[in-house]
Amino acid sequence: YRDAVAFPGIVSQLCDRPCRDTCV
């Protein structure tokens, strides 16, 4: 996660989780 996301603490609070909508 840290390698993919520059600021993990901030992003984890702001991400609207588009992955959930597309998860099969």
PDB file of all heavy atoms in Angstrom:
ATOM      1  N   TYR A   1       0.835  -1.210   0.000  1.00  0.00           N
ATOM      2  CA  TYR A   1       0.000   0.000   0.000  1.00  0.00           C
ATOM      3  C   TYR A   1       0.868   1.257   0.000  1.00  0.00           C
ATOM      4  O   TYR A   1       0.658   2.177  -0.784  1.00  0.00           O
ATOM      5  CB  TYR A   1      -0.919  -0.028   1.216  1.00  0.00           C
ATOM      6  CG  TYR A   1      -1.868   1.137   1.313  1.00  0.00           C
ATOM      7  CD1 TYR A   1      -2.933   1.262   0.447  1.00  0.00           C
ATOM      8  CD2 TYR A   1      -1.694   2.108   2.290  1.00  0.00           C
ATOM      9  CE1 TYR A   1      -3.810   2.330   0.532  1.00  0.00           C
ATOM     10  CE2 TYR A   1      -2.567   3.179   2.385  1.00  0.00           C
ATOM     11  CZ  TYR A   1      -3.615   3.284   1.509  1.00  0.00           C
ATOM     12  OH  TYR A   1      -4.474   4.342   1.600  1.00  0.00           O
ATOM     13  N   ARG A   2       1.869   1.286   0.870  1.00  0.00           N
ATOM     14  CA  ARG A   2       2.763   2.442   0.981  1.00  0.00           C
ATOM     15  C   ARG A   2       3.512   2.706  -0.326  1.00  0.00           C
ATOM     16  O   ARG A   2       3.710   3.853  -0.714  1.00  0.00           O
ATOM     17  CB  ARG A   2       3.754   2.209   2.116  1.00  0.00           C
ATOM     18  CG  ARG A   2       4.691   3.376   2.355  1.00  0.00           C
ATOM     19  CD  ARG A   2       5.866   2.993   3.207  1.00  0.00           C
ATOM     20  NE  ARG A   2       6.617   1.936   2.526  1.00  0.00           N
ATOM     21  CZ  ARG A   2       7.295   0.987   3.149  1.00  0.00           C
ATOM     22  NH1 ARG A   2       7.328   0.937   4.455  1.00  0.00           N
ATOM     23  NH2 ARG A   2       7.943   0.072   2.461  1.00  0.00           N
ATOM     24  N   ASP A   3       3.900   1.631  -1.012  1.00  0.00           N
ATOM     25  CA  ASP A   3       4.614   1.794  -2.276  1.00  0.00           C
ATOM     26  C   ASP A   3       3.720   2.342  -3.385  1.00  0.00           C
ATOM     27  O   ASP A   3       4.197   3.016  -4.296  1.00  0.00           O
ATOM     28  CB  ASP A   3       5.235   0.472  -2.720  1.00  0.00           C
ATOM     29  CG  ASP A   3       6.387   0.045  -1.818  1.00  0.00           C
ATOM     30  OD1 ASP A   3       6.881   0.879  -1.026  1.00  0.00           O
ATOM     31  OD2 ASP A   3       6.782  -1.135  -1.910  1.00  0.00           O
ATOM     32  N   ALA A   4       2.437   2.064  -3.314  1.00  0.00           N
ATOM     33  CA  ALA A   4       1.500   2.534  -4.340  1.00  0.00           C
ATOM     34  C   ALA A   4       0.974   3.934  -4.049  1.00  0.00           C
ATOM     35  O   ALA A   4       0.656   4.689  -4.958  1.00  0.00           O
ATOM     36  CB  ALA A   4       0.324   1.563  -4.472  1.00  0.00           C
ATOM     37  N   VAL A   5       0.886   4.281  -2.781  1.00  0.00           N
ATOM     38  CA  VAL A   5       0.249   5.531  -2.363  1.00  0.00           C
ATOM     39  C   VAL A   5       1.279   6.419  -1.668  1.00  0.00           C
ATOM     40  O   VAL A   5       1.911   6.000  -0.703  1.00  0.00           O
ATOM     41  CB  VAL A   5      -0.931   5.229  -1.404  1.00  0.00           C
ATOM     42  CG1 VAL A   5      -1.587   6.500  -0.939  1.00  0.00           C
ATOM     43  CG2 VAL A   5      -1.939   4.320  -2.079  1.00  0.00           C
ATOM     44  N   ALA A   6       1.433   7.640  -2.161  1.00  0.00           N
ATOM     45  CA  ALA A   6       2.451   8.548  -1.622  1.00  0.00           C
ATOM     46  C   ALA A   6       2.203   8.925  -0.155  1.00  0.00           C
ATOM     47  O   ALA A   6       3.125   8.944   0.638  1.00  0.00           O
ATOM     48  CB  ALA A   6       2.526   9.803  -2.470  1.00  0.00           C
ATOM     49  N   PHE A   7       0.979   9.209   0.201  1.00  0.00           N
ATOM     50  CA  PHE A   7       0.647   9.631   1.561  1.00  0.00           C
ATOM     51  C   PHE A   7      -0.458   8.725   2.102  1.00  0.00           C
ATOM     52  O   PHE A   7      -1.641   9.094   2.128  1.00  0.00           O
ATOM     53  CB  PHE A   7       0.193  11.092   1.584  1.00  0.00           C
ATOM     54  CG  PHE A   7       1.227  12.040   1.047  1.00  0.00           C
ATOM     55  CD1 PHE A   7       1.140  12.536  -0.238  1.00  0.00           C
ATOM     56  CD2 PHE A   7       2.302  12.412   1.842  1.00  0.00           C
ATOM     57  CE1 PHE A   7       2.094  13.400  -0.725  1.00  0.00           C
ATOM     58  CE2 PHE A   7       3.266  13.284   1.351  1.00  0.00           C
ATOM     59  CZ  PHE A   7       3.166  13.776   0.058  1.00  0.00           C
ATOM     60  N   PRO A   8      -0.103   7.510   2.569  1.00  0.00           N
ATOM     61  CA  PRO A   8      -1.117   6.533   2.948  1.00  0.00           C
ATOM     62  C   PRO A   8      -2.089   6.995   4.023  1.00  0.00           C
ATOM     63  O   PRO A   8      -3.281   6.701   3.943  1.00  0.00           O
ATOM     64  CB  PRO A   8      -0.318   5.331   3.425  1.00  0.00           C
ATOM     65  CG  PRO A   8       1.104   5.665   3.302  1.00  0.00           C
ATOM     66  CD  PRO A   8       1.248   7.022   2.733  1.00  0.00           C
ATOM     67  N   GLY A   9      -1.619   7.729   5.003  1.00  0.00           N
ATOM     68  CA  GLY A   9      -2.504   8.181   6.071  1.00  0.00           C
ATOM     69  C   GLY A   9      -3.584   9.125   5.573  1.00  0.00           C
ATOM     70  O   GLY A   9      -4.745   9.034   5.971  1.00  0.00           O
ATOM     71  N   ILE A  10      -3.216  10.008   4.677  1.00  0.00           N
ATOM     72  CA  ILE A  10      -4.173  10.971   4.124  1.00  0.00           C
ATOM     73  C   ILE A  10      -5.110  10.289   3.145  1.00  0.00           C
ATOM     74  O   ILE A  10      -6.333  10.446   3.212  1.00  0.00           O
ATOM     75  CB  ILE A  10      -3.433  12.136   3.437  1.00  0.00           C
ATOM     76  CG1 ILE A  10      -2.624  12.923   4.473  1.00  0.00           C
ATOM     77  CG2 ILE A  10      -4.404  13.042   2.687  1.00  0.00           C
ATOM     78  CD1 ILE A  10      -1.665  13.922   3.873  1.00  0.00           C
ATOM     79  N   VAL A  11      -4.548   9.503   2.245  1.00  0.00           N
ATOM     80  CA  VAL A  11      -5.353   8.852   1.212  1.00  0.00           C
ATOM     81  C   VAL A  11      -6.362   7.895   1.819  1.00  0.00           C
ATOM     82  O   VAL A  11      -7.509   7.825   1.370  1.00  0.00           O
ATOM     83  CB  VAL A  11      -4.444   8.127   0.195  1.00  0.00           C
ATOM     84  CG1 VAL A  11      -5.254   7.271  -0.743  1.00  0.00           C
ATOM     85  CG2 VAL A  11      -3.636   9.148  -0.582  1.00  0.00           C
ATOM     86  N   SER A  12      -5.979   7.163   2.851  1.00  0.00           N
ATOM     87  CA  SER A  12      -6.915   6.212   3.454  1.00  0.00           C
ATOM     88  C   SER A  12      -8.132   6.923   4.036  1.00  0.00           C
ATOM     89  O   SER A  12      -9.213   6.341   4.119  1.00  0.00           O
ATOM     90  CB  SER A  12      -6.221   5.382   4.526  1.00  0.00           C
ATOM     91  OG  SER A  12      -5.831   6.192   5.613  1.00  0.00           O
ATOM     92  N   GLN A  13      -7.983   8.179   4.409  1.00  0.00           N
ATOM     93  CA  GLN A  13      -9.114   8.942   4.931  1.00  0.00           C
ATOM     94  C   GLN A  13      -9.971   9.555   3.820  1.00  0.00           C
ATOM     95  O   GLN A  13     -11.160   9.780   3.999  1.00  0.00           O
ATOM     96  CB  GLN A  13      -8.613  10.055   5.859  1.00  0.00           C
ATOM     97  CG  GLN A  13      -7.878   9.552   7.066  1.00  0.00           C
ATOM     98  CD  GLN A  13      -8.767   8.716   7.964  1.00  0.00           C
ATOM     99  OE1 GLN A  13      -9.888   9.076   8.266  1.00  0.00           O
ATOM    100  NE2 GLN A  13      -8.246   7.576   8.395  1.00  0.00           N
ATOM    101  N   LEU A  14      -9.367   9.824   2.669  1.00  0.00           N
ATOM    102  CA  LEU A  14     -10.069  10.520   1.591  1.00  0.00           C
ATOM    103  C   LEU A  14     -10.583   9.617   0.469  1.00  0.00           C
ATOM    104  O   LEU A  14     -11.445  10.025  -0.299  1.00  0.00           O
ATOM    105  CB  LEU A  14      -9.153  11.578   0.976  1.00  0.00           C
ATOM    106  CG  LEU A  14      -8.667  12.665   1.920  1.00  0.00           C
ATOM    107  CD1 LEU A  14      -7.675  13.564   1.212  1.00  0.00           C
ATOM    108  CD2 LEU A  14      -9.828  13.467   2.466  1.00  0.00           C
ATOM    109  N   CYS A  15     -10.055   8.410   0.349  1.00  0.00           N
ATOM    110  CA  CYS A  15     -10.397   7.527  -0.773  1.00  0.00           C
ATOM    111  C   CYS A  15     -11.869   7.129  -0.716  1.00  0.00           C
ATOM    112  O   CYS A  15     -12.374   6.717   0.327  1.00  0.00           O
ATOM    113  CB  CYS A  15      -9.521   6.271  -0.741  1.00  0.00           C
ATOM    114  SG  CYS A  15      -9.824   5.171  -2.127  1.00  0.00           S
ATOM    115  N   ASP A  16     -12.552   7.268  -1.844  1.00  0.00           N
ATOM    116  CA  ASP A  16     -13.970   6.883  -1.893  1.00  0.00           C
ATOM    117  C   ASP A  16     -14.148   5.421  -2.308  1.00  0.00           C
ATOM    118  O   ASP A  16     -15.244   4.970  -2.579  1.00  0.00           O
ATOM    119  CB  ASP A  16     -14.756   7.808  -2.817  1.00  0.00           C
ATOM    120  CG  ASP A  16     -14.277   7.752  -4.252  1.00  0.00           C
ATOM    121  OD1 ASP A  16     -13.241   7.118  -4.514  1.00  0.00           O
ATOM    122  OD2 ASP A  16     -14.939   8.351  -5.112  1.00  0.00           O
ATOM    123  N   ARG A  17     -13.068   4.662  -2.358  1.00  0.00           N
ATOM    124  CA  ARG A  17     -13.031   3.221  -2.612  1.00  0.00           C
ATOM    125  C   ARG A  17     -13.776   2.806  -3.876  1.00  0.00           C
ATOM    126  O   ARG A  17     -14.727   2.021  -3.827  1.00  0.00           O
ATOM    127  CB  ARG A  17     -13.563   2.456  -1.408  1.00  0.00           C
ATOM    128  CG  ARG A  17     -12.731   2.675  -0.167  1.00  0.00           C
ATOM    129  CD  ARG A  17     -13.348   2.000   0.997  1.00  0.00           C
ATOM    130  NE  ARG A  17     -14.515   2.745   1.419  1.00  0.00           N
ATOM    131  CZ  ARG A  17     -14.793   3.054   2.664  1.00  0.00           C
ATOM    132  NH1 ARG A  17     -14.025   2.638   3.612  1.00  0.00           N
ATOM    133  NH2 ARG A  17     -15.848   3.743   2.965  1.00  0.00           N
ATOM    134  N   PRO A  18     -13.330   3.293  -5.026  1.00  0.00           N
ATOM    135  CA  PRO A  18     -13.988   2.889  -6.273  1.00  0.00           C
ATOM    136  C   PRO A  18     -13.833   1.392  -6.534  1.00  0.00           C
ATOM    137  O   PRO A  18     -14.621   0.801  -7.266  1.00  0.00           O
ATOM    138  CB  PRO A  18     -13.280   3.719  -7.345  1.00  0.00           C
ATOM    139  CG  PRO A  18     -11.956   4.058  -6.761  1.00  0.00           C
ATOM    140  CD  PRO A  18     -12.192   4.182  -5.271  1.00  0.00           C
ATOM    141  N   CYS A  19     -12.845   0.767  -5.896  1.00  0.00           N
ATOM    142  CA  CYS A  19     -12.626  -0.671  -6.075  1.00  0.00           C
ATOM    143  C   CYS A  19     -13.824  -1.484  -5.582  1.00  0.00           C
ATOM    144  O   CYS A  19     -14.149  -2.531  -6.138  1.00  0.00           O
ATOM    145  CB  CYS A  19     -11.356  -1.117  -5.355  1.00  0.00           C
ATOM    146  SG  CYS A  19     -11.276  -0.654  -3.616  1.00  0.00           S
ATOM    147  N   ARG A  20     -14.500  -1.016  -4.562  1.00  0.00           N
ATOM    148  CA  ARG A  20     -15.657  -1.747  -4.023  1.00  0.00           C
ATOM    149  C   ARG A  20     -16.790  -1.843  -5.037  1.00  0.00           C
ATOM    150  O   ARG A  20     -17.492  -2.843  -5.093  1.00  0.00           O
ATOM    151  CB  ARG A  20     -16.180  -1.072  -2.759  1.00  0.00           C
ATOM    152  CG  ARG A  20     -15.348  -1.347  -1.559  1.00  0.00           C
ATOM    153  CD  ARG A  20     -16.051  -0.831  -0.338  1.00  0.00           C
ATOM    154  NE  ARG A  20     -15.276  -1.167   0.845  1.00  0.00           N
ATOM    155  CZ  ARG A  20     -15.683  -0.946   2.068  1.00  0.00           C
ATOM    156  NH1 ARG A  20     -16.846  -0.372   2.283  1.00  0.00           N
ATOM    157  NH2 ARG A  20     -14.934  -1.282   3.077  1.00  0.00           N
ATOM    158  N   ASP A  21     -16.978  -0.798  -5.825  1.00  0.00           N
ATOM    159  CA  ASP A  21     -18.065  -0.785  -6.797  1.00  0.00           C
ATOM    160  C   ASP A  21     -17.818  -1.725  -7.958  1.00  0.00           C
ATOM    161  O   ASP A  21     -18.761  -2.144  -8.636  1.00  0.00           O
ATOM    162  CB  ASP A  21     -18.306   0.627  -7.319  1.00  0.00           C
ATOM    163  CG  ASP A  21     -18.776   1.566  -6.223  1.00  0.00           C
ATOM    164  OD1 ASP A  21     -19.389   1.098  -5.252  1.00  0.00           O
ATOM    165  OD2 ASP A  21     -18.524   2.782  -6.353  1.00  0.00           O
ATOM    166  N   THR A  22     -16.556  -2.044  -8.225  1.00  0.00           N
ATOM    167  CA  THR A  22     -16.239  -2.897  -9.373  1.00  0.00           C
ATOM    168  C   THR A  22     -15.834  -4.311  -8.978  1.00  0.00           C
ATOM    169  O   THR A  22     -15.563  -5.136  -9.839  1.00  0.00           O
ATOM    170  CB  THR A  22     -15.093  -2.279 -10.203  1.00  0.00           C
ATOM    171  OG1 THR A  22     -13.942  -2.167  -9.392  1.00  0.00           O
ATOM    172  CG2 THR A  22     -15.483  -0.934 -10.764  1.00  0.00           C
ATOM    173  N   CYS A  23     -15.803  -4.606  -7.707  1.00  0.00           N
ATOM    174  CA  CYS A  23     -15.361  -5.918  -7.234  1.00  0.00           C
ATOM    175  C   CYS A  23     -16.345  -7.019  -7.646  1.00  0.00           C
ATOM    176  O   CYS A  23     -17.526  -6.941  -7.329  1.00  0.00           O
ATOM    177  CB  CYS A  23     -15.211  -5.912  -5.719  1.00  0.00           C
ATOM    178  SG  CYS A  23     -14.707  -7.510  -5.046  1.00  0.00           S
ATOM    179  N   VAL A  24     -15.837  -8.010  -8.371  1.00  0.00           N
ATOM    180  CA  VAL A  24     -16.696  -9.107  -8.802  1.00  0.00           C
ATOM    181  C   VAL A  24     -17.114  -9.982  -7.645  1.00  0.00           C
ATOM    182  O   VAL A  24     -18.147 -10.641  -7.697  1.00  0.00           O
ATOM    183  CB  VAL A  24     -16.029  -9.949  -9.905  1.00  0.00           C
ATOM    184  CG1 VAL A  24     -15.830  -9.140 -11.163  1.00  0.00           C
ATOM    185  CG2 VAL A  24     -14.720 -10.531  -9.435  1.00  0.00           C
TER     186      VAL A  24
END
